[in-house]
Amino acid sequence: MEENKKEMLIYQINSYIEQVLNLVDNQGKLDYFNIEIKNHQGNLNMQCNIADRKKVY
């Protein structure tokens, strides 16, 4: 059963990361993003922050 939990986590995390990479690639922001992943008793919380940074001088 533990192996099944691990496989489901791997699948869900990989799917999320792939979606985020496609999103930031389409926006041209591959250099400025953060992904945060938390798991608590089977509740997977995944967040992505995309930054827009520019040099001013």
Protein backbone atom coordinates (compact mmCIF):
# COMPACT_ATOMS: atom_id res chain seq x y z
CA MET A 1 0.00 0.00 0.00
CA GLU A 2 2.87 2.41 0.78
CA GLU A 3 4.28 1.84 -2.70
CA ASN A 4 0.91 2.83 -4.20
CA LYS A 5 0.94 6.08 -2.17
CA LYS A 6 4.43 6.85 -3.42
CA GLU A 7 3.46 6.16 -7.04
CA MET A 8 0.37 8.41 -6.77
CA LEU A 9 2.47 11.22 -5.25
CA ILE A 10 5.07 10.88 -8.01
CA TYR A 11 2.36 10.95 -10.67
CA GLN A 12 0.53 13.98 -9.24
CA ILE A 13 3.73 15.97 -8.61
CA ASN A 14 5.15 15.23 -12.08
CA SER A 15 1.86 16.20 -13.73
CA TYR A 16 1.76 19.50 -11.82
CA ILE A 17 5.38 20.34 -12.60
CA GLU A 18 4.82 19.64 -16.29
CA GLN A 19 1.78 21.96 -16.33
CA VAL A 20 3.72 24.72 -14.57
CA LEU A 21 6.68 24.41 -16.94
CA ASN A 22 4.36 24.65 -19.95
CA LEU A 23 2.68 27.73 -18.45
CA VAL A 24 5.88 29.61 -17.61
CA ASP A 25 7.42 28.64 -20.95
CA ASN A 26 4.42 30.08 -22.82
CA GLN A 27 4.76 33.29 -20.78
CA GLY A 28 8.52 33.46 -21.37
CA LYS A 29 9.29 33.36 -17.65
CA LEU A 30 11.35 30.20 -17.26
CA ASP A 31 13.96 32.17 -15.31
CA TYR A 32 11.66 33.47 -12.56
CA PHE A 33 9.27 31.02 -10.92
CA ASN A 34 8.91 29.09 -7.66
CA ILE A 35 7.06 25.84 -7.03
CA GLU A 36 6.04 24.85 -3.50
CA ILE A 37 4.71 21.35 -2.81
CA LYS A 38 3.34 20.15 0.52
CA ASN A 39 1.79 16.83 1.46
CA HIS A 40 -0.15 16.35 4.68
CA GLN A 41 -2.02 13.09 5.19
CA GLY A 42 -2.71 12.65 1.49
CA ASN A 43 -3.71 16.26 0.85
CA LEU A 44 -1.31 17.55 -1.77
CA ASN A 45 -0.98 21.34 -1.86
CA MET A 46 0.96 22.72 -4.82
CA GLN A 47 1.54 26.39 -5.55
CA CYS A 48 3.43 28.25 -8.22
CA ASN A 49 4.57 31.86 -8.08
CA ILE A 50 5.64 33.51 -11.31
CA ALA A 51 7.76 36.63 -10.93
CA ASP A 52 8.19 39.43 -13.41
CA ARG A 53 11.60 40.95 -12.89
CA LYS A 54 13.21 43.65 -14.94
CA LYS A 55 16.52 45.47 -14.64
CA VAL A 56 16.05 49.16 -14.10
CA TYR A 57 19.63 50.25 -14.74
